[in-house]
Amino acid sequence: MSVSQERLLSVRDLTVTYESGRAMQWRRSPVKAIDGVSFDVRPGETLGLVGESGSGKSTIGRSILRLADVSGGTIDFDGLDVTALGRRTPLSYRRAVQAVFQDPASSLNPRHVVSTAVTTPLRRHGVGDAAAREEAAAAAFERVGLSRAHLSRLPSELSGGQRQRVAIARALALEPRLIVCDEAVSALDVSTQSQIINLLADLQESTGMSYLFVTHDLRIVRHISHRVAVMHAGRLVELAPVEQLFDSPRHPYTRSLLAASPATHPTGRERRRSHRANYRPNHHGPEIVRGEEGCPFRNRCASVMEVCRTKTPPLRELADGGRVACHLYGEEGRTVEGGPHRGKGRGKGGGRGSTGEG
């Protein structure tokens, strides 16, 4: 299906601050887990959100789900300012924005049959009577490839893939417009991962819902996403259509991620060698620099310049619609003198296609 150019979710200058330090210490210093992040998710689109552990990608998902307190910026969902809601969240928002987490077993009551995972939210939202809710649960199970016989099973009687299907059925039963998938397939084996990813893609095709897909697995991101946002040290460093990002990554950090990932294309080894040239730790400080002026990637970047040590690069829009936060690109999005050479593309690699940036 084609992706709308309208905006379903708009995140602007999002900041999330945590207090660091041990519990017994009197003084604690604030740490910005998210530092001024902005992006959009469109109707019918999957936006992949990638980065290393600790980059802040899961915190963004938790902020959208109102599971993490926002220190600054706004989250707008179809005209609703989510950050201005206060302590109580309207049921309409809870229904429209659902989540699928990494470990479904932790959110399934081991003493209850799995049908209650679907019927309980339906009851909370006032959907039908008990019989209608049971039928809705059966229909949701059928949509995710489970049978009625599974409704009366305990979580311990299901495989990991089946439990994840139950979690997806629970989210689908409320007919959401956006699902936040936080490492939703990382705990599954490769064959089950493929089944779940294909299921999510098919459901998106039939319902038009959107996904914010949070993961560290670039192989999965390339298969399911329309666009990809790359996080590093709490900041958004690159945002581009999926094929553009994989064929012509702009930020040195993005190239280092691709260099470290398993090859997903016959020319992958050659491309990884070219990307590794952009990652040379200089050992003159911590590899990731937070809370200071300058580029947080400067101590790991082979293309570091003096300006990288003193000025934080803004997220600039490039001529081809992508965005990158790197001093290698000038104010008009052009590569500055001495900037990186763009490698040859590796062709279409199975991604969901390009949609442009808005």
Protein backbone atom coordinates (compact mmCIF):
# COMPACT_ATOMS: atom_id res chain seq x y z
CA MET A 1 0.00 0.00 0.00
CA SER A 2 1.11 3.58 -0.57
CA VAL A 3 2.13 5.70 2.40
CA SER A 4 0.27 8.94 3.04
CA GLN A 5 2.25 12.18 3.21
CA GLU A 6 0.11 13.37 6.12
CA ARG A 7 1.41 13.16 9.68
CA LEU A 8 -0.12 10.81 12.21
CA LEU A 9 2.54 11.31 14.90
CA SER A 10 4.78 14.38 15.16
CA VAL A 11 7.60 14.45 17.70
CA ARG A 12 9.28 17.84 18.07
CA ASP A 13 12.39 18.65 20.13
CA LEU A 14 11.70 15.75 22.49
CA THR A 15 13.86 15.78 25.62
CA VAL A 16 13.87 13.17 28.40
CA THR A 17 16.15 13.72 31.38
CA TYR A 18 17.08 11.19 34.04
CA GLU A 19 18.91 11.72 37.31
CA SER A 20 22.21 9.85 37.43
CA GLY A 21 24.18 8.77 40.49
CA ARG A 22 23.81 6.19 43.22
CA ALA A 23 20.85 6.08 45.56
CA MET A 24 22.91 7.11 48.62
CA GLN A 25 24.51 10.11 46.95
CA TRP A 26 23.18 13.55 47.88
CA ARG A 27 24.06 15.11 44.56
CA ARG A 28 22.84 13.69 41.31
CA SER A 29 23.55 15.05 37.87
CA PRO A 30 20.87 15.11 35.16
CA VAL A 31 21.53 13.04 32.04
CA LYS A 32 19.64 13.67 28.80
CA ALA A 33 18.52 10.27 27.60
CA ILE A 34 16.79 12.05 24.69
CA ASP A 35 18.15 15.39 23.51
CA GLY A 36 15.97 17.42 21.12
CA VAL A 37 14.71 14.64 18.82
CA SER A 38 12.20 15.43 16.05
CA PHE A 39 10.52 13.11 13.53
CA ASP A 40 7.14 12.19 12.03
CA VAL A 41 5.28 8.93 11.47
CA ARG A 42 2.78 8.88 8.63
CA PRO A 43 -0.42 6.85 8.25
CA GLY A 44 0.39 3.38 6.91
CA GLU A 45 4.15 3.84 7.43
CA THR A 46 6.74 1.86 9.34
CA LEU A 47 9.48 4.06 10.76
CA GLY A 48 12.47 2.02 11.91
CA LEU A 49 14.30 3.46 14.93
CA VAL A 50 17.79 2.02 15.31
CA GLY A 51 20.91 2.54 17.38
CA GLU A 52 23.18 0.93 19.92
CA SER A 53 22.06 -0.04 23.41
CA GLY A 54 21.73 3.14 25.44
CA SER A 55 21.16 5.35 22.39
CA GLY A 56 17.69 6.33 23.62
CA LYS A 57 15.53 4.55 21.05
CA SER A 58 13.47 2.60 23.60
CA THR A 59 13.02 5.74 25.71
CA ILE A 60 11.39 7.43 22.72
CA GLY A 61 8.92 4.56 22.44
CA ARG A 62 8.19 4.72 26.17
CA SER A 63 7.62 8.47 25.92
CA ILE A 64 5.06 8.02 23.16
CA LEU A 65 3.35 5.35 25.25
CA ARG A 66 3.45 7.70 28.28
CA LEU A 67 5.62 5.29 30.24
CA ALA A 68 8.46 7.83 30.56
CA ASP A 69 8.19 11.45 31.72
CA VAL A 70 8.97 14.06 29.07
CA SER A 71 11.23 16.94 30.11
CA GLY A 72 10.74 19.09 27.02
CA GLY A 73 9.34 19.20 23.50
CA THR A 74 6.01 17.93 22.21
CA ILE A 75 4.42 14.70 21.04
CA ASP A 76 1.43 15.35 18.78
CA PHE A 77 -0.83 12.47 17.80
CA ASP A 78 -3.36 13.42 15.12
CA GLY A 79 -3.84 16.87 16.64
CA LEU A 80 -3.70 15.76 20.29
CA ASP A 81 -0.82 17.25 22.31
CA VAL A 82 0.15 14.16 24.29
CA THR A 83 2.68 16.02 26.43
CA ALA A 84 -0.06 18.35 27.76
CA LEU A 85 -2.34 15.58 29.02
CA GLY A 86 -1.11 15.61 32.60
CA ARG A 87 -1.14 12.49 34.75
CA ARG A 88 -4.23 10.87 33.26
CA THR A 89 -4.25 9.55 29.71
CA PRO A 90 -7.56 9.46 27.79
CA LEU A 91 -8.77 5.97 26.97
CA SER A 92 -9.10 7.09 23.35
CA TYR A 93 -5.32 7.58 23.18
CA ARG A 94 -4.61 4.29 24.98
CA ARG A 95 -6.79 2.58 22.41
CA ALA A 96 -5.26 4.31 19.37
CA VAL A 97 -1.63 3.71 20.39
CA GLN A 98 -0.71 0.17 21.37
CA ALA A 99 2.56 -1.62 22.10
CA VAL A 100 4.26 -4.95 21.42
CA PHE A 101 7.27 -5.54 23.65
CA GLN A 102 10.27 -7.85 23.47
CA ASP A 103 9.13 -10.46 26.03
CA PRO A 104 5.41 -11.23 25.73
CA ALA A 105 5.62 -13.77 28.58
CA SER A 106 6.27 -10.94 31.06
CA SER A 107 2.96 -9.29 30.14
CA LEU A 108 0.88 -12.49 30.12
CA ASN A 109 -0.49 -13.71 33.45
CA PRO A 110 0.86 -17.27 33.84
CA ARG A 111 -2.27 -18.27 35.81
CA HIS A 112 -4.78 -17.08 33.20
CA VAL A 113 -5.57 -18.48 29.77
CA VAL A 114 -4.29 -16.23 27.02
CA SER A 115 -7.75 -15.17 25.85
CA THR A 116 -7.92 -12.87 28.90
CA ALA A 117 -5.01 -10.88 27.45
CA VAL A 118 -7.43 -9.77 24.74
CA THR A 119 -10.77 -9.70 26.55
CA THR A 120 -9.50 -7.66 29.52
CA PRO A 121 -8.50 -4.57 27.45
CA LEU A 122 -11.77 -4.87 25.53
CA ARG A 123 -13.71 -4.84 28.82
CA ARG A 124 -11.64 -1.88 30.05
CA HIS A 125 -12.62 0.07 26.93
CA GLY A 126 -16.28 -0.91 27.19
CA VAL A 127 -16.41 -3.09 24.08
CA GLY A 128 -19.49 -5.36 24.01
CA ASP A 129 -20.59 -7.96 26.52
CA ALA A 130 -18.66 -11.04 27.61
CA ALA A 131 -19.80 -13.13 24.63
CA ALA A 132 -18.93 -10.38 22.15
CA ARG A 133 -15.49 -9.97 23.70
CA GLU A 134 -14.81 -13.70 23.41
CA GLU A 135 -15.76 -13.57 19.72
CA ALA A 136 -13.52 -10.52 19.23
CA ALA A 137 -10.64 -12.39 20.87
CA ALA A 138 -11.20 -15.38 18.59
CA ALA A 139 -11.24 -13.07 15.55
CA ALA A 140 -8.02 -11.37 16.67
CA PHE A 141 -6.35 -14.76 17.18
CA GLU A 142 -7.41 -15.83 13.71
CA ARG A 143 -5.90 -12.68 12.18
CA VAL A 144 -2.51 -13.50 13.67
CA GLY A 145 -2.57 -17.17 12.68
CA LEU A 146 -3.83 -18.72 15.92
CA SER A 147 -6.92 -20.94 16.27
CA ARG A 148 -9.78 -20.93 18.73
CA ALA A 149 -8.10 -23.83 20.50
CA HIS A 150 -5.32 -21.45 21.56
CA LEU A 151 -7.78 -19.25 23.48
CA SER A 152 -7.91 -21.69 26.38
CA ARG A 153 -4.14 -22.27 26.59
CA LEU A 154 -1.89 -21.01 29.35
CA PRO A 155 1.17 -18.97 28.31
CA SER A 156 3.44 -21.85 29.33
CA GLU A 157 1.69 -24.07 26.78
CA LEU A 158 2.64 -21.81 23.88
CA SER A 159 5.90 -21.31 22.02
CA GLY A 160 7.72 -17.97 21.99
CA GLY A 161 6.36 -17.16 18.55
CA GLN A 162 2.81 -18.04 19.59
CA ARG A 163 3.07 -15.84 22.70
CA GLN A 164 4.23 -12.96 20.50
CA ARG A 165 1.24 -13.55 18.24
CA VAL A 166 -0.99 -13.29 21.32
CA ALA A 167 0.65 -9.95 22.15
CA ILE A 168 -0.01 -8.73 18.61
CA ALA A 169 -3.62 -9.98 18.80
CA ARG A 170 -4.09 -8.03 22.03
CA ALA A 171 -2.89 -4.85 20.32
CA LEU A 172 -4.98 -5.47 17.19
CA ALA A 173 -8.22 -6.14 19.09
CA LEU A 174 -8.55 -2.44 19.94
CA GLU A 175 -8.04 -1.42 16.28
CA PRO A 176 -5.13 0.96 16.93
CA ARG A 177 -3.74 3.46 14.47
CA LEU A 178 -0.14 3.16 15.73
CA ILE A 179 1.74 0.25 17.30
CA VAL A 180 5.07 0.82 19.03
CA CYS A 181 7.12 -2.36 18.52
CA ASP A 182 10.01 -2.31 21.00
CA GLU A 183 12.46 -5.09 20.07
CA ALA A 184 9.33 -7.09 19.23
CA VAL A 185 11.18 -9.98 17.53
CA SER A 186 14.67 -9.88 19.04
CA ALA A 187 13.97 -12.74 21.49
CA LEU A 188 12.74 -15.07 18.73
CA ASP A 189 14.67 -17.48 16.52
CA VAL A 190 15.33 -16.45 12.93
CA SER A 191 12.53 -18.47 11.32
CA THR A 192 9.96 -17.20 13.85
CA GLN A 193 11.25 -13.65 13.37
CA SER A 194 10.50 -13.91 9.66
CA GLN A 195 6.99 -15.15 10.34
CA ILE A 196 6.23 -12.31 12.76
CA ILE A 197 7.74 -9.65 10.47
CA ASN A 198 5.70 -10.92 7.52
CA LEU A 199 2.61 -10.99 9.73
CA LEU A 200 3.13 -7.35 10.76
CA ALA A 201 3.60 -6.33 7.13
CA ASP A 202 0.42 -8.16 6.06
CA LEU A 203 -1.58 -6.59 8.89
CA GLN A 204 -0.35 -3.14 7.89
CA GLU A 205 -1.37 -3.81 4.31
CA SER A 206 -4.90 -4.78 5.35
CA THR A 207 -5.51 -2.18 8.09
CA GLY A 208 -3.38 0.84 7.14
CA MET A 209 -1.96 1.15 10.67
CA SER A 210 1.49 2.61 11.37
CA TYR A 211 4.45 1.13 13.22
CA LEU A 212 7.30 2.68 15.14
CA PHE A 213 9.70 -0.24 14.99
CA VAL A 214 12.43 0.03 17.63
CA THR A 215 15.29 -2.42 17.14
CA HIS A 216 19.06 -2.83 16.91
CA ASP A 217 18.80 -5.35 14.04
CA LEU A 218 19.49 -3.61 10.74
CA ARG A 219 18.55 -6.70 8.75
CA ILE A 220 15.00 -6.56 10.13
CA VAL A 221 14.83 -2.78 9.71
CA ARG A 222 15.68 -3.04 6.03
CA HIS A 223 12.98 -5.63 5.46
CA ILE A 224 10.07 -3.94 7.23
CA SER A 225 10.69 -0.17 7.24
CA HIS A 226 9.75 2.59 4.82
CA ARG A 227 12.10 5.08 6.50
CA VAL A 228 14.84 4.69 9.10
CA ALA A 229 15.84 7.03 11.93
CA VAL A 230 19.29 6.47 13.46
CA MET A 231 19.86 7.35 17.14
CA HIS A 232 23.21 7.98 18.81
CA ALA A 233 23.81 9.24 22.38
CA GLY A 234 20.23 10.48 22.72
CA ARG A 235 20.24 12.40 19.43
CA LEU A 236 18.83 11.72 15.99
CA VAL A 237 21.81 11.68 13.62
CA GLU A 238 20.25 10.50 10.35
CA LEU A 239 16.79 10.02 8.86
CA ALA A 240 16.21 8.73 5.35
CA PRO A 241 14.13 6.38 3.19
CA VAL A 242 15.27 2.82 3.82
CA GLU A 243 16.99 2.15 0.48
CA GLN A 244 18.71 5.52 0.53
CA LEU A 245 20.07 4.92 4.02
CA PHE A 246 21.41 1.45 3.21
CA ASP A 247 22.76 2.36 -0.24
CA SER A 248 24.23 5.78 0.63
CA PRO A 249 24.55 6.23 4.41
CA ARG A 250 25.61 9.80 5.21
CA HIS A 251 26.53 9.96 8.89
CA PRO A 252 29.81 8.27 9.91
CA TYR A 253 27.95 6.59 12.77
CA THR A 254 25.41 5.08 10.37
CA ARG A 255 28.26 3.75 8.25
CA SER A 256 29.87 2.24 11.35
CA LEU A 257 26.59 0.48 12.22
CA LEU A 258 26.38 -0.97 8.72
CA ALA A 259 30.02 -2.02 8.91
CA ALA A 260 29.34 -3.93 12.12
CA SER A 261 26.19 -5.68 10.87
CA PRO A 262 26.19 -9.07 9.09
CA ALA A 263 26.16 -8.79 5.33
CA THR A 264 22.70 -9.00 3.80
CA HIS A 265 23.86 -8.68 0.18
CA PRO A 266 26.51 -10.45 -1.95
CA THR A 267 28.61 -7.27 -1.98
CA GLY A 268 28.25 -6.83 1.77
CA ARG A 269 31.88 -7.64 2.61
CA GLU A 270 33.20 -4.99 0.24
CA ARG A 271 30.77 -2.41 1.59
CA ARG A 272 31.62 -3.25 5.21
CA ARG A 273 35.32 -2.69 4.48
CA SER A 274 34.56 0.73 2.99
CA HIS A 275 32.35 1.67 5.95
CA ARG A 276 34.96 0.58 8.52
CA ALA A 277 37.26 3.31 7.22
CA ASN A 278 34.94 5.79 8.93
CA TYR A 279 35.38 4.27 12.39
CA ARG A 280 38.74 4.95 14.07
CA PRO A 281 38.63 5.51 17.83
CA ASN A 282 41.32 8.07 18.76
CA HIS A 283 41.40 7.09 22.44
CA HIS A 284 41.58 10.73 23.57
CA GLY A 285 38.45 10.45 25.68
CA PRO A 286 35.27 8.41 26.06
CA GLU A 287 33.90 6.83 22.90
CA ILE A 288 30.49 8.46 23.44
CA VAL A 289 30.38 12.04 24.72
CA ARG A 290 27.12 13.16 26.35
CA GLY A 291 26.10 16.47 27.82
CA GLU A 292 28.83 18.55 26.18
CA GLU A 293 29.03 20.83 23.18
CA GLY A 294 30.33 19.15 20.08
CA CYS A 295 29.48 15.96 18.23
CA PRO A 296 28.98 12.96 20.55
CA PHE A 297 30.61 10.74 17.91
CA ARG A 298 33.79 12.81 17.59
CA ASN A 299 36.05 10.37 19.46
CA ARG A 300 35.04 7.49 17.18
CA CYS A 301 34.97 9.25 13.82
CA ALA A 302 37.72 9.08 11.20
CA SER A 303 36.44 12.29 9.56
CA VAL A 304 36.51 14.41 12.71
CA MET A 305 37.20 18.14 12.22
CA GLU A 306 37.96 20.89 14.73
CA VAL A 307 34.37 22.18 14.57
CA CYS A 308 33.18 18.71 15.69
CA ARG A 309 34.82 19.30 19.10
CA THR A 310 33.17 22.64 19.77
CA LYS A 311 29.79 22.75 18.02
CA THR A 312 26.91 20.26 18.09
CA PRO A 313 25.83 19.58 14.49
CA PRO A 314 22.16 20.38 13.74
CA LEU A 315 19.91 17.97 11.86
CA ARG A 316 20.00 19.34 8.30
CA GLU A 317 17.76 18.42 5.41
CA LEU A 318 19.62 17.29 2.30
CA ALA A 319 18.71 17.92 -1.31
CA ASP A 320 17.46 14.34 -1.79
CA GLY A 321 15.10 14.55 1.19
CA GLY A 322 17.19 12.79 3.81
CA ARG A 323 18.36 14.43 7.03
CA VAL A 324 21.74 14.21 8.73
CA ALA A 325 23.38 15.79 11.77
CA CYS A 326 27.00 16.03 10.70
CA HIS A 327 29.43 18.89 10.04
CA LEU A 328 30.54 17.11 6.87
CA TYR A 329 27.43 18.61 5.29
CA GLY A 330 27.07 22.36 4.91
CA GLU A 331 24.09 24.56 5.65
CA GLU A 332 22.51 23.76 2.29
CA GLY A 333 23.00 20.02 2.77
CA ARG A 334 25.99 19.81 0.41
CA THR A 335 29.09 17.83 1.26
CA VAL A 336 31.83 20.16 2.47
CA GLU A 337 35.40 19.98 1.18
CA GLY A 338 37.10 16.89 2.51
CA GLY A 339 33.79 15.19 3.22
CA PRO A 340 33.00 11.54 2.63
CA HIS A 341 32.82 9.96 -0.79
CA ARG A 342 29.50 8.36 -1.52
CA GLY A 343 29.93 4.70 -2.26
CA LYS A 344 28.22 2.91 -5.07
CA GLY A 345 24.73 1.69 -4.31
CA ARG A 346 24.13 -2.00 -3.88
CA GLY A 347 20.78 -2.08 -5.56
CA LYS A 348 17.43 -3.00 -4.14
CA GLY A 349 17.86 -5.15 -1.09
CA GLY A 350 14.35 -6.14 -0.08
CA GLY A 351 13.28 -2.95 1.71
CA ARG A 352 9.77 -1.54 1.83
CA GLY A 353 10.63 1.29 -0.58
CA SER A 354 11.33 5.00 -0.42
CA THR A 355 8.73 7.55 0.48
CA GLY A 356 10.70 10.78 0.67
CA GLU A 357 11.11 12.96 3.75
CA GLY A 358 8.64 15.46 5.01
